[in-house]
């Protein structure tokens, strides 16, 4: 029986889709899992390319759909666990020391963030796995705050399974048009990033203005 391989004429051989296709062709399900684990560690690798492509591979019979979902979810959990350990090894003390050196921020900001994570950390990890940009980043504060590892892994697995299933199934059903998913998820990722940048810019403006008004109040006294 001839081996089924992926044909990606619209993607250069050295492109991300070509790289991911080679992994799946060579290693099957574990190759898809490896690609997604690396995507978690290096967010510039887009899950909106790798996951639909894996679904397309399942539709072509290169791997089974169950294998695609299992290995991509396992890869997501493995990548997230690595970031969790990075956060844990870095530690809260180093984080506070680094935070204290940053301009326009206060220790109270970090303390409020830690308190918020203490109250809502489980929801943040679960839902964060389904939000572009934050999918990888949410693992680091979970490690910093030393969320119990079994809880973190369980929440990550559930959230990742939901996100992966949506994108893998989209590629499975779209077939040769699997790359359509990249367009829409890419727009969502850009929208999230713009909102984050806008929020950060607003915080900086507020802090700068607050810093300028304090001396005036002192002189008025």
N, C-alpha and C. Protein backbone atom coordinates (compact mmCIF):
# COMPACT_ATOMS: atom_id res chain seq x y z
N UNK A 1 0.85 -1.19 0.00
CA UNK A 1 0.00 0.00 0.00
C UNK A 1 0.88 1.25 0.00
N UNK A 2 0.60 2.18 -0.92
CA UNK A 2 1.41 3.39 -1.00
C UNK A 2 1.14 4.30 0.20
N UNK A 3 2.20 4.94 0.63
CA UNK A 3 2.10 5.85 1.77
C UNK A 3 1.45 7.15 1.32
N UNK A 4 0.44 7.61 2.10
CA UNK A 4 -0.26 8.86 1.79
C UNK A 4 0.53 10.02 2.36
N UNK A 5 0.80 11.02 1.53
CA UNK A 5 1.52 12.20 2.00
C UNK A 5 0.70 13.43 1.69
N UNK A 6 1.06 14.54 2.33
CA UNK A 6 0.35 15.80 2.14
C UNK A 6 0.93 16.56 0.96
N UNK A 7 0.08 17.15 0.20
CA UNK A 7 0.50 18.00 -0.92
C UNK A 7 0.13 19.44 -0.60
N UNK A 8 1.15 20.30 -0.55
CA UNK A 8 0.91 21.69 -0.20
C UNK A 8 1.53 22.60 -1.25
N UNK A 9 0.97 22.63 -2.47
CA UNK A 9 1.59 23.42 -3.52
C UNK A 9 1.53 24.91 -3.26
N UNK A 10 0.60 25.35 -2.40
CA UNK A 10 0.46 26.78 -2.15
C UNK A 10 1.45 27.28 -1.10
N UNK A 11 2.23 26.38 -0.49
CA UNK A 11 3.12 26.76 0.61
C UNK A 11 4.57 26.46 0.23
N UNK A 12 5.51 27.39 0.41
CA UNK A 12 6.90 27.10 0.09
C UNK A 12 7.43 25.96 0.95
N UNK A 13 8.42 25.24 0.39
CA UNK A 13 8.94 24.07 1.08
C UNK A 13 9.51 24.40 2.45
N UNK A 14 10.02 25.65 2.59
CA UNK A 14 10.61 26.02 3.87
C UNK A 14 9.64 26.83 4.72
N UNK A 15 8.37 26.89 4.33
CA UNK A 15 7.37 27.61 5.13
C UNK A 15 6.95 26.81 6.34
N UNK A 16 6.18 27.44 7.23
CA UNK A 16 5.74 26.76 8.45
C UNK A 16 4.84 25.58 8.12
N UNK A 17 3.93 25.77 7.15
CA UNK A 17 3.04 24.67 6.78
C UNK A 17 3.84 23.52 6.18
N UNK A 18 4.83 23.83 5.37
CA UNK A 18 5.66 22.77 4.80
C UNK A 18 6.43 22.03 5.86
N UNK A 19 6.96 22.78 6.85
CA UNK A 19 7.68 22.17 7.97
C UNK A 19 6.76 21.26 8.78
N UNK A 20 5.55 21.75 9.09
CA UNK A 20 4.61 20.96 9.87
C UNK A 20 4.15 19.73 9.09
N UNK A 21 3.93 19.90 7.77
CA UNK A 21 3.52 18.77 6.94
C UNK A 21 4.60 17.70 6.92
N UNK A 22 5.86 18.11 6.86
CA UNK A 22 6.96 17.14 6.87
C UNK A 22 6.98 16.35 8.18
N UNK A 23 6.72 17.05 9.31
CA UNK A 23 6.70 16.37 10.61
C UNK A 23 5.59 15.33 10.66
N UNK A 24 4.40 15.72 10.17
CA UNK A 24 3.27 14.80 10.19
C UNK A 24 3.51 13.63 9.24
N UNK A 25 4.04 13.92 8.05
CA UNK A 25 4.34 12.87 7.08
C UNK A 25 5.35 11.88 7.64
N UNK A 26 6.36 12.40 8.33
CA UNK A 26 7.47 11.56 8.81
C UNK A 26 7.13 10.81 10.09
N UNK A 27 6.48 11.52 11.03
CA UNK A 27 6.27 10.96 12.37
C UNK A 27 4.81 10.63 12.69
N UNK A 28 3.89 11.07 11.82
CA UNK A 28 2.48 10.83 12.10
C UNK A 28 1.98 11.72 13.22
N UNK A 29 1.12 11.15 14.09
CA UNK A 29 0.54 11.90 15.19
C UNK A 29 1.57 12.54 16.11
N UNK A 30 2.62 11.81 16.52
CA UNK A 30 3.66 12.42 17.35
C UNK A 30 4.31 13.65 16.70
N UNK A 31 4.40 13.66 15.38
CA UNK A 31 4.95 14.83 14.70
C UNK A 31 4.06 16.04 14.88
N UNK A 32 2.74 15.84 14.80
CA UNK A 32 1.81 16.94 15.05
C UNK A 32 1.92 17.41 16.50
N UNK A 33 2.07 16.46 17.42
CA UNK A 33 2.23 16.83 18.83
C UNK A 33 3.49 17.62 19.08
N UNK A 34 4.58 17.22 18.42
CA UNK A 34 5.85 17.95 18.55
C UNK A 34 5.72 19.37 18.02
N UNK A 35 5.04 19.51 16.87
CA UNK A 35 4.86 20.84 16.29
C UNK A 35 4.08 21.76 17.24
N UNK A 36 3.03 21.22 17.87
CA UNK A 36 2.23 22.04 18.78
C UNK A 36 2.97 22.32 20.08
N UNK A 37 3.78 21.38 20.56
CA UNK A 37 4.60 21.64 21.75
C UNK A 37 5.55 22.80 21.49
N UNK A 38 6.16 22.81 20.32
CA UNK A 38 7.07 23.90 19.95
C UNK A 38 6.29 25.21 19.78
N UNK A 39 5.06 25.12 19.27
CA UNK A 39 4.23 26.33 19.13
C UNK A 39 3.94 26.96 20.48
N UNK A 40 3.77 26.14 21.51
CA UNK A 40 3.54 26.67 22.86
C UNK A 40 4.77 27.38 23.38
N UNK A 41 5.94 26.82 23.08
CA UNK A 41 7.19 27.41 23.57
C UNK A 41 7.61 28.62 22.76
N UNK A 42 7.25 28.63 21.48
CA UNK A 42 7.62 29.73 20.59
C UNK A 42 6.35 30.23 19.90
N UNK A 43 5.60 31.13 20.57
CA UNK A 43 4.31 31.60 20.05
C UNK A 43 4.31 32.09 18.61
N UNK A 44 5.45 32.62 18.07
CA UNK A 44 5.40 33.00 16.65
C UNK A 44 5.04 31.84 15.71
N UNK A 45 5.25 30.58 16.16
CA UNK A 45 4.76 29.44 15.37
C UNK A 45 3.24 29.40 15.53
N UNK A 46 2.48 29.56 14.46
CA UNK A 46 1.03 29.73 14.59
C UNK A 46 0.26 28.41 14.69
N UNK A 47 -0.52 28.29 15.76
CA UNK A 47 -1.39 27.11 15.87
C UNK A 47 -2.47 27.13 14.81
N UNK A 48 -2.82 28.33 14.30
CA UNK A 48 -3.85 28.42 13.28
C UNK A 48 -3.39 27.86 11.94
N UNK A 49 -2.10 27.55 11.82
CA UNK A 49 -1.59 26.83 10.65
C UNK A 49 -1.44 25.35 10.97
N UNK A 50 -0.81 25.05 12.10
CA UNK A 50 -0.45 23.67 12.43
C UNK A 50 -1.69 22.81 12.68
N UNK A 51 -2.65 23.32 13.44
CA UNK A 51 -3.82 22.50 13.81
C UNK A 51 -4.74 22.21 12.62
N UNK A 52 -5.12 23.22 11.82
CA UNK A 52 -5.95 22.88 10.65
C UNK A 52 -5.22 21.96 9.67
N UNK A 53 -3.91 22.15 9.53
CA UNK A 53 -3.13 21.27 8.67
C UNK A 53 -3.18 19.84 9.17
N UNK A 54 -3.13 19.67 10.50
CA UNK A 54 -3.24 18.33 11.09
C UNK A 54 -4.61 17.73 10.80
N UNK A 55 -5.66 18.57 10.89
CA UNK A 55 -7.00 18.10 10.54
C UNK A 55 -7.10 17.70 9.08
N UNK A 56 -6.45 18.47 8.22
CA UNK A 56 -6.40 18.14 6.79
C UNK A 56 -5.71 16.80 6.59
N UNK A 57 -4.62 16.58 7.33
CA UNK A 57 -3.90 15.31 7.25
C UNK A 57 -4.80 14.15 7.66
N UNK A 58 -5.61 14.38 8.71
CA UNK A 58 -6.55 13.33 9.13
C UNK A 58 -7.59 13.07 8.05
N UNK A 59 -8.05 14.12 7.40
CA UNK A 59 -9.01 13.95 6.33
C UNK A 59 -8.44 13.19 5.14
N UNK A 60 -7.14 13.33 4.92
CA UNK A 60 -6.47 12.64 3.82
C UNK A 60 -6.08 11.22 4.18
N UNK A 61 -6.24 10.84 5.45
CA UNK A 61 -5.89 9.50 5.87
C UNK A 61 -4.44 9.32 6.27
N UNK A 62 -3.69 10.44 6.38
CA UNK A 62 -2.30 10.34 6.81
C UNK A 62 -2.23 9.86 8.26
N UNK A 63 -3.12 10.39 9.09
CA UNK A 63 -3.27 9.95 10.48
C UNK A 63 -4.77 9.88 10.76
N UNK A 64 -5.14 9.26 11.86
CA UNK A 64 -6.55 9.20 12.23
C UNK A 64 -6.95 10.48 12.95
N UNK A 65 -8.23 10.78 12.94
CA UNK A 65 -8.71 11.98 13.63
C UNK A 65 -8.47 11.88 15.13
N UNK A 66 -8.67 10.69 15.70
CA UNK A 66 -8.42 10.50 17.13
C UNK A 66 -6.95 10.73 17.45
N UNK A 67 -6.06 10.26 16.59
CA UNK A 67 -4.63 10.47 16.80
C UNK A 67 -4.29 11.95 16.72
N UNK A 68 -4.91 12.66 15.77
CA UNK A 68 -4.65 14.09 15.62
C UNK A 68 -5.02 14.84 16.88
N UNK A 69 -6.19 14.54 17.44
CA UNK A 69 -6.64 15.24 18.64
C UNK A 69 -5.82 14.85 19.87
N UNK A 70 -5.51 13.56 19.98
CA UNK A 70 -4.74 13.10 21.13
C UNK A 70 -3.34 13.71 21.15
N UNK A 71 -2.63 13.61 20.05
CA UNK A 71 -1.23 14.05 20.04
C UNK A 71 -1.11 15.57 20.09
N UNK A 72 -2.00 16.30 19.44
CA UNK A 72 -1.91 17.76 19.52
C UNK A 72 -2.23 18.24 20.93
N UNK A 73 -3.18 17.59 21.59
CA UNK A 73 -3.49 17.98 22.98
C UNK A 73 -2.33 17.62 23.91
N UNK A 74 -1.74 16.44 23.71
CA UNK A 74 -0.58 16.06 24.51
C UNK A 74 0.58 17.04 24.28
N UNK A 75 0.78 17.44 23.02
CA UNK A 75 1.82 18.42 22.73
C UNK A 75 1.56 19.76 23.40
N UNK A 76 0.29 20.19 23.41
CA UNK A 76 -0.07 21.44 24.07
C UNK A 76 0.25 21.38 25.56
N UNK A 77 -0.11 20.28 26.19
CA UNK A 77 0.13 20.12 27.62
C UNK A 77 1.64 20.08 27.90
N UNK A 78 2.40 19.38 27.08
CA UNK A 78 3.85 19.30 27.28
C UNK A 78 4.51 20.67 27.16
N UNK A 79 4.13 21.43 26.13
CA UNK A 79 4.69 22.77 25.96
C UNK A 79 4.31 23.69 27.10
N UNK A 80 3.04 23.62 27.52
CA UNK A 80 2.58 24.46 28.63
C UNK A 80 3.29 24.08 29.93
N UNK A 81 3.53 22.79 30.15
CA UNK A 81 4.22 22.35 31.36
C UNK A 81 5.64 22.90 31.41
N UNK A 82 6.30 22.95 30.25
CA UNK A 82 7.66 23.51 30.22
C UNK A 82 7.65 24.97 30.63
N UNK A 83 6.68 25.74 30.14
CA UNK A 83 6.57 27.16 30.52
C UNK A 83 6.20 27.30 32.00
N UNK A 84 5.37 26.40 32.50
CA UNK A 84 5.00 26.39 33.92
C UNK A 84 6.25 26.24 34.78
N UNK A 85 7.13 25.31 34.40
CA UNK A 85 8.35 25.08 35.17
C UNK A 85 9.31 26.25 35.07
N UNK A 86 9.32 26.90 33.92
CA UNK A 86 10.14 28.11 33.78
C UNK A 86 9.67 29.17 34.77
N UNK A 87 8.34 29.36 34.84
CA UNK A 87 7.79 30.32 35.79
C UNK A 87 8.10 29.95 37.23
N UNK A 88 7.98 28.65 37.54
CA UNK A 88 8.24 28.20 38.91
C UNK A 88 9.71 28.37 39.28
N UNK A 89 10.61 28.03 38.37
CA UNK A 89 12.04 28.16 38.64
C UNK A 89 12.46 29.62 38.74
N UNK A 90 11.84 30.48 37.96
CA UNK A 90 12.16 31.91 38.05
C UNK A 90 11.77 32.44 39.42
N UNK A 91 10.59 32.08 39.90
CA UNK A 91 10.19 32.37 41.26
C UNK A 91 9.62 33.76 41.49
N UNK A 92 8.81 33.87 42.53
CA UNK A 92 8.16 35.14 42.87
C UNK A 92 9.15 36.18 43.33
N UNK A 93 10.17 35.77 44.07
CA UNK A 93 11.15 36.74 44.58
C UNK A 93 11.87 37.43 43.43
N UNK A 94 12.31 36.67 42.45
CA UNK A 94 12.98 37.27 41.29
C UNK A 94 12.00 38.14 40.50
N UNK A 95 10.75 37.69 40.42
CA UNK A 95 9.76 38.47 39.70
C UNK A 95 9.55 39.81 40.38
N UNK A 96 9.47 39.83 41.69
CA UNK A 96 9.30 41.09 42.42
C UNK A 96 10.52 41.98 42.26
N UNK A 97 11.72 41.38 42.29
CA UNK A 97 12.94 42.17 42.11
C UNK A 97 13.00 42.78 40.72
N UNK A 98 12.62 42.00 39.71
CA UNK A 98 12.61 42.52 38.34
C UNK A 98 11.55 43.60 38.18
N UNK A 99 10.38 43.36 38.76
CA UNK A 99 9.27 44.32 38.67
C UNK A 99 9.66 45.66 39.27
N UNK A 100 10.40 45.61 40.37
CA UNK A 100 10.78 46.85 41.05
C UNK A 100 11.69 47.72 40.20
N UNK A 101 12.39 47.13 39.23
CA UNK A 101 13.29 47.89 38.37
C UNK A 101 12.59 48.49 37.15
N UNK A 102 11.38 48.03 36.88
CA UNK A 102 10.68 48.50 35.69
C UNK A 102 10.10 49.90 35.90
N UNK A 103 10.15 50.76 34.88
CA UNK A 103 9.58 52.10 35.02
C UNK A 103 8.06 52.06 34.92
N UNK A 104 7.42 53.05 35.56
CA UNK A 104 5.98 53.28 35.45
C UNK A 104 5.12 52.15 36.00
N UNK A 105 5.70 51.29 36.83
CA UNK A 105 4.90 50.26 37.49
C UNK A 105 5.16 50.32 38.99
N UNK A 106 4.24 49.78 39.73
CA UNK A 106 4.36 49.79 41.19
C UNK A 106 4.27 48.37 41.71
N UNK A 107 4.84 48.17 42.89
CA UNK A 107 4.77 46.87 43.52
C UNK A 107 3.32 46.48 43.78
N UNK A 108 2.50 47.48 44.10
CA UNK A 108 1.09 47.21 44.38
C UNK A 108 0.38 46.62 43.15
N UNK A 109 0.83 47.01 41.96
CA UNK A 109 0.23 46.45 40.74
C UNK A 109 0.46 44.94 40.68
N UNK A 110 1.68 44.53 40.96
CA UNK A 110 2.01 43.11 40.93
C UNK A 110 1.25 42.37 42.03
N UNK A 111 1.15 42.98 43.19
CA UNK A 111 0.43 42.34 44.29
C UNK A 111 -1.04 42.16 43.96
N UNK A 112 -1.64 43.17 43.31
CA UNK A 112 -3.04 43.04 42.92
C UNK A 112 -3.21 41.95 41.86
N UNK A 113 -2.25 41.86 40.94
CA UNK A 113 -2.30 40.83 39.92
C UNK A 113 -2.20 39.45 40.54
N UNK A 114 -1.32 39.31 41.53
CA UNK A 114 -1.17 38.02 42.21
C UNK A 114 -2.45 37.67 42.97
N UNK A 115 -3.05 38.67 43.60
CA UNK A 115 -4.30 38.43 44.32
C UNK A 115 -5.41 38.01 43.36
N UNK A 116 -5.45 38.68 42.19
CA UNK A 116 -6.46 38.33 41.19
C UNK A 116 -6.25 36.91 40.70
N UNK A 117 -4.99 36.53 40.47
CA UNK A 117 -4.71 35.19 39.99
C UNK A 117 -5.05 34.16 41.06
N UNK A 118 -4.85 34.53 42.32
CA UNK A 118 -5.20 33.63 43.39
C UNK A 118 -6.70 33.33 43.43
N UNK A 119 -7.51 34.34 43.07
CA UNK A 119 -8.97 34.16 43.08
C UNK A 119 -9.48 33.52 41.79
N UNK A 120 -8.88 33.87 40.68
CA UNK A 120 -9.43 33.47 39.38
C UNK A 120 -8.45 32.64 38.54
N UNK A 121 -7.41 32.12 39.14
CA UNK A 121 -6.37 31.43 38.38
C UNK A 121 -6.87 30.24 37.60
N UNK A 122 -7.78 29.46 38.19
CA UNK A 122 -8.28 28.28 37.49
C UNK A 122 -9.02 28.67 36.22
N UNK A 123 -9.88 29.70 36.33
CA UNK A 123 -10.60 30.16 35.13
C UNK A 123 -9.63 30.77 34.12
N UNK A 124 -8.62 31.49 34.62
CA UNK A 124 -7.66 32.13 33.72
C UNK A 124 -6.90 31.09 32.90
N UNK A 125 -6.48 30.00 33.55
CA UNK A 125 -5.73 28.95 32.85
C UNK A 125 -6.64 28.23 31.86
N UNK A 126 -7.85 27.88 32.30
CA UNK A 126 -8.78 27.14 31.44
C UNK A 126 -9.16 27.95 30.21
N UNK A 127 -9.62 29.18 30.43
CA UNK A 127 -10.07 30.02 29.31
C UNK A 127 -8.90 30.57 28.51
N UNK A 128 -7.77 30.79 29.20
CA UNK A 128 -6.60 31.33 28.52
C UNK A 128 -6.08 30.39 27.44
N UNK A 129 -6.29 29.09 27.61
CA UNK A 129 -5.85 28.12 26.60
C UNK A 129 -6.65 28.24 25.31
N UNK A 130 -7.76 28.99 25.35
CA UNK A 130 -8.60 29.15 24.16
C UNK A 130 -8.50 30.55 23.56
N UNK A 131 -7.57 31.35 24.07
CA UNK A 131 -7.43 32.73 23.60
C UNK A 131 -6.08 32.90 22.91
N UNK A 132 -6.09 33.34 21.65
CA UNK A 132 -4.81 33.57 20.97
C UNK A 132 -3.93 34.53 21.78
N UNK A 133 -2.65 34.41 21.64
CA UNK A 133 -1.63 35.20 22.34
C UNK A 133 -1.46 34.72 23.78
N UNK A 134 -2.57 34.60 24.53
CA UNK A 134 -2.49 34.21 25.94
C UNK A 134 -2.34 32.70 26.11
N UNK A 135 -2.54 31.93 25.05
CA UNK A 135 -2.48 30.47 25.16
C UNK A 135 -1.18 29.99 25.79
N UNK A 136 -0.09 30.59 25.38
CA UNK A 136 1.21 30.20 25.94
C UNK A 136 1.54 30.98 27.20
N UNK A 137 1.24 32.28 27.17
CA UNK A 137 1.67 33.16 28.26
C UNK A 137 1.06 32.79 29.60
N UNK A 138 -0.16 32.26 29.61
CA UNK A 138 -0.86 32.00 30.87
C UNK A 138 -0.14 30.95 31.71
N UNK A 139 0.70 30.12 31.09
CA UNK A 139 1.39 29.07 31.83
C UNK A 139 2.45 29.63 32.77
N UNK A 140 3.04 30.76 32.40
CA UNK A 140 4.14 31.32 33.20
C UNK A 140 3.63 31.82 34.56
N UNK A 141 2.58 32.66 34.63
CA UNK A 141 2.09 33.08 35.95
C UNK A 141 1.57 31.91 36.78
N UNK A 142 1.05 30.87 36.12
CA UNK A 142 0.62 29.69 36.89
C UNK A 142 1.81 29.06 37.60
N UNK A 143 2.96 29.04 36.95
CA UNK A 143 4.16 28.54 37.59
C UNK A 143 4.68 29.48 38.66
N UNK A 144 4.67 30.78 38.36
CA UNK A 144 5.12 31.77 39.34
C UNK A 144 4.31 31.68 40.63
N UNK A 145 2.99 31.51 40.48
CA UNK A 145 2.11 31.44 41.65
C UNK A 145 2.00 30.03 42.21
N UNK A 146 2.74 29.10 41.62
CA UNK A 146 2.80 27.72 42.09
C UNK A 146 1.41 27.09 42.22
N UNK A 147 0.62 27.28 41.17
CA UNK A 147 -0.65 26.55 41.10
C UNK A 147 -0.34 25.06 41.18
N UNK A 148 -1.10 24.28 41.95
CA UNK A 148 -0.83 22.83 42.03
C UNK A 148 -0.72 22.22 40.63
N UNK A 149 0.36 21.48 40.41
CA UNK A 149 0.65 20.95 39.08
C UNK A 149 -0.48 20.09 38.51
N UNK A 150 -1.07 19.17 39.31
CA UNK A 150 -2.17 18.36 38.74
C UNK A 150 -3.34 19.23 38.28
N UNK A 151 -3.64 20.28 39.03
CA UNK A 151 -4.73 21.19 38.65
C UNK A 151 -4.37 21.90 37.35
N UNK A 152 -3.15 22.41 37.28
CA UNK A 152 -2.70 23.11 36.07
C UNK A 152 -2.76 22.21 34.85
N UNK A 153 -2.24 20.99 34.98
CA UNK A 153 -2.21 20.07 33.85
C UNK A 153 -3.63 19.69 33.41
N UNK A 154 -4.52 19.49 34.38
CA UNK A 154 -5.89 19.13 34.04
C UNK A 154 -6.61 20.25 33.31
N UNK A 155 -6.49 21.48 33.82
CA UNK A 155 -7.12 22.62 33.18
C UNK A 155 -6.54 22.87 31.79
N UNK A 156 -5.22 22.72 31.69
CA UNK A 156 -4.55 22.92 30.40
C UNK A 156 -5.01 21.89 29.38
N UNK A 157 -5.15 20.65 29.83
CA UNK A 157 -5.59 19.59 28.92
C UNK A 157 -7.00 19.85 28.41
N UNK A 158 -7.90 20.26 29.30
CA UNK A 158 -9.30 20.51 28.89
C UNK A 158 -9.37 21.71 27.94
N UNK A 159 -8.73 22.82 28.34
CA UNK A 159 -8.75 24.01 27.49
C UNK A 159 -8.09 23.76 26.14
N UNK A 160 -6.98 23.04 26.15
CA UNK A 160 -6.28 22.75 24.90
C UNK A 160 -7.10 21.83 24.00
N UNK A 161 -7.77 20.87 24.60
CA UNK A 161 -8.59 19.95 23.81
C UNK A 161 -9.70 20.69 23.08
N UNK A 162 -10.31 21.66 23.77
CA UNK A 162 -11.38 22.44 23.14
C UNK A 162 -10.83 23.24 21.96
N UNK A 163 -9.74 24.00 22.21
CA UNK A 163 -9.14 24.83 21.16
C UNK A 163 -8.64 23.98 19.99
N UNK A 164 -7.93 22.91 20.31
CA UNK A 164 -7.39 22.05 19.27
C UNK A 164 -8.49 21.38 18.45
N UNK A 165 -9.55 20.96 19.14
CA UNK A 165 -10.64 20.28 18.43
C UNK A 165 -11.30 21.20 17.42
N UNK A 166 -11.51 22.46 17.80
CA UNK A 166 -12.14 23.41 16.88
C UNK A 166 -11.30 23.58 15.62
N UNK A 167 -9.98 23.78 15.79
CA UNK A 167 -9.13 24.05 14.64
C UNK A 167 -8.82 22.79 13.84
N UNK A 168 -8.64 21.67 14.53
CA UNK A 168 -8.39 20.41 13.81
C UNK A 168 -9.62 20.01 13.00
N UNK A 169 -10.80 20.12 13.61
CA UNK A 169 -12.02 19.75 12.90
C UNK A 169 -12.28 20.68 11.73
N UNK A 170 -11.93 21.96 11.91
CA UNK A 170 -12.10 22.91 10.81
C UNK A 170 -11.25 22.48 9.62
N UNK A 171 -10.00 22.11 9.86
CA UNK A 171 -9.14 21.64 8.78
C UNK A 171 -9.63 20.33 8.19
N UNK A 172 -10.19 19.48 9.05
CA UNK A 172 -10.71 18.18 8.60
C UNK A 172 -11.87 18.37 7.62
N UNK A 173 -12.79 19.27 7.97
CA UNK A 173 -13.98 19.48 7.15
C UNK A 173 -13.70 20.36 5.94
N UNK A 174 -12.78 21.31 6.06
CA UNK A 174 -12.50 22.21 4.94
C UNK A 174 -11.65 21.56 3.86
N UNK A 175 -10.90 20.52 4.21
CA UNK A 175 -10.11 19.82 3.21
C UNK A 175 -9.04 20.71 2.60
N UNK A 176 -9.04 20.81 1.27
CA UNK A 176 -8.01 21.58 0.57
C UNK A 176 -8.03 23.06 0.94
N UNK A 177 -9.12 23.52 1.53
CA UNK A 177 -9.23 24.92 1.93
C UNK A 177 -8.92 25.11 3.42
N UNK A 178 -8.16 24.18 3.99
CA UNK A 178 -7.83 24.24 5.42
C UNK A 178 -7.17 25.56 5.82
N UNK A 179 -6.41 26.17 4.86
CA UNK A 179 -5.68 27.39 5.20
C UNK A 179 -6.60 28.59 5.40
N UNK A 180 -7.90 28.44 5.09
CA UNK A 180 -8.86 29.52 5.37
C UNK A 180 -8.91 29.82 6.87
N UNK A 181 -8.72 28.79 7.68
CA UNK A 181 -8.76 28.96 9.14
C UNK A 181 -7.72 29.97 9.59
N UNK A 182 -6.54 29.92 8.98
CA UNK A 182 -5.46 30.82 9.37
C UNK A 182 -5.87 32.28 9.24
N UNK A 183 -6.63 32.60 8.19
CA UNK A 183 -7.05 33.98 7.96
C UNK A 183 -7.89 34.50 9.10
N UNK A 184 -8.90 33.72 9.50
CA UNK A 184 -9.84 34.19 10.52
C UNK A 184 -9.22 34.17 11.92
N UNK A 185 -8.50 33.11 12.25
CA UNK A 185 -7.87 33.07 13.57
C UNK A 185 -6.74 34.09 13.65
N UNK A 186 -6.05 34.32 12.53
CA UNK A 186 -5.02 35.36 12.51
C UNK A 186 -5.58 36.73 12.80
N UNK A 187 -6.77 37.03 12.25
CA UNK A 187 -7.43 38.31 12.53
C UNK A 187 -7.80 38.40 14.00
N UNK A 188 -8.27 37.30 14.58
CA UNK A 188 -8.62 37.29 16.00
C UNK A 188 -7.38 37.53 16.85
N UNK A 189 -6.26 36.89 16.49
CA UNK A 189 -5.01 37.07 17.23
C UNK A 189 -4.56 38.53 17.20
N UNK A 190 -4.65 39.15 16.02
CA UNK A 190 -4.25 40.55 15.89
C UNK A 190 -5.16 41.46 16.71
N UNK A 191 -6.46 41.15 16.74
CA UNK A 191 -7.40 41.95 17.52
C UNK A 191 -7.08 41.87 19.01
N UNK A 192 -6.78 40.65 19.49
CA UNK A 192 -6.42 40.48 20.90
C UNK A 192 -5.14 41.24 21.22
N UNK A 193 -4.15 41.14 20.33
CA UNK A 193 -2.87 41.83 20.55
C UNK A 193 -3.06 43.34 20.58
N UNK A 194 -3.89 43.86 19.69
CA UNK A 194 -4.15 45.31 19.66
C UNK A 194 -4.84 45.77 20.95
N UNK A 195 -5.78 44.97 21.45
CA UNK A 195 -6.46 45.32 22.70
C UNK A 195 -5.47 45.36 23.86
N UNK A 196 -4.56 44.37 23.89
CA UNK A 196 -3.55 44.34 24.96
C UNK A 196 -2.64 45.56 24.87
N UNK A 197 -2.18 45.87 23.66
CA UNK A 197 -1.29 47.02 23.48
C UNK A 197 -2.01 48.33 23.83
N UNK A 198 -3.30 48.42 23.48
CA UNK A 198 -4.07 49.62 23.82
C UNK A 198 -4.20 49.77 25.33
N UNK A 199 -4.46 48.65 26.01
CA UNK A 199 -4.59 48.70 27.47
C UNK A 199 -3.26 49.09 28.13
N UNK A 200 -2.16 48.53 27.63
CA UNK A 200 -0.84 48.87 28.18
C UNK A 200 -0.51 50.35 27.93
N UNK A 201 -0.84 50.84 26.74
CA UNK A 201 -0.58 52.24 26.40
C UNK A 201 -1.38 53.16 27.31
N UNK A 202 -2.63 52.80 27.57
CA UNK A 202 -3.47 53.61 28.46
C UNK A 202 -2.88 53.65 29.87
N UNK A 203 -2.39 52.50 30.35
CA UNK A 203 -1.79 52.46 31.68
C UNK A 203 -0.56 53.36 31.75
N UNK A 204 0.26 53.33 30.70
CA UNK A 204 1.46 54.17 30.67
C UNK A 204 1.09 55.65 30.68
N UNK A 205 0.09 56.03 29.89
CA UNK A 205 -0.34 57.43 29.84
C UNK A 205 -0.85 57.88 31.20
N UNK A 206 -1.66 57.04 31.84
CA UNK A 206 -2.21 57.39 33.16
C UNK A 206 -1.10 57.56 34.17
N UNK A 207 -0.09 56.65 34.15
CA UNK A 207 1.01 56.73 35.11
C UNK A 207 1.87 57.98 34.86
N UNK A 208 2.13 58.29 33.60
CA UNK A 208 2.93 59.47 33.29
C UNK A 208 2.23 60.73 33.75
N UNK A 209 0.95 60.85 33.50
CA UNK A 209 0.19 62.02 33.93
C UNK A 209 0.12 62.13 35.45
N UNK A 210 -0.04 60.96 36.10
CA UNK A 210 -0.07 60.97 37.56
C UNK A 210 1.27 61.44 38.13
N UNK A 211 2.37 61.00 37.49
CA UNK A 211 3.69 61.42 37.95
C UNK A 211 3.93 62.90 37.76
N UNK A 212 3.33 63.51 36.73
CA UNK A 212 3.50 64.93 36.50
C UNK A 212 2.68 65.78 37.45
N UNK A 213 1.55 65.28 37.90
CA UNK A 213 0.68 66.08 38.76
C UNK A 213 1.09 66.05 40.22
N UNK A 214 1.82 65.04 40.66
CA UNK A 214 2.20 64.95 42.07
C UNK A 214 3.05 66.12 42.55
N UNK A 215 4.10 66.54 41.84
CA UNK A 215 4.89 67.67 42.30
C UNK A 215 4.07 68.95 42.44
N UNK A 216 3.09 69.15 41.56
CA UNK A 216 2.26 70.33 41.63
C UNK A 216 1.46 70.36 42.90
N UNK A 217 0.94 69.19 43.30
CA UNK A 217 0.17 69.12 44.55
C UNK A 217 1.06 69.43 45.75
N UNK A 218 2.30 68.98 45.68
CA UNK A 218 3.21 69.23 46.81
C UNK A 218 3.53 70.72 46.93
N UNK A 219 3.75 71.38 45.77
CA UNK A 219 4.06 72.81 45.83
C UNK A 219 2.85 73.61 46.31
N UNK A 220 1.66 73.11 45.99
CA UNK A 220 0.46 73.85 46.41
C UNK A 220 0.32 73.85 47.92
N UNK A 221 0.83 72.81 48.56
CA UNK A 221 0.77 72.76 50.03
C UNK A 221 1.72 73.77 50.66
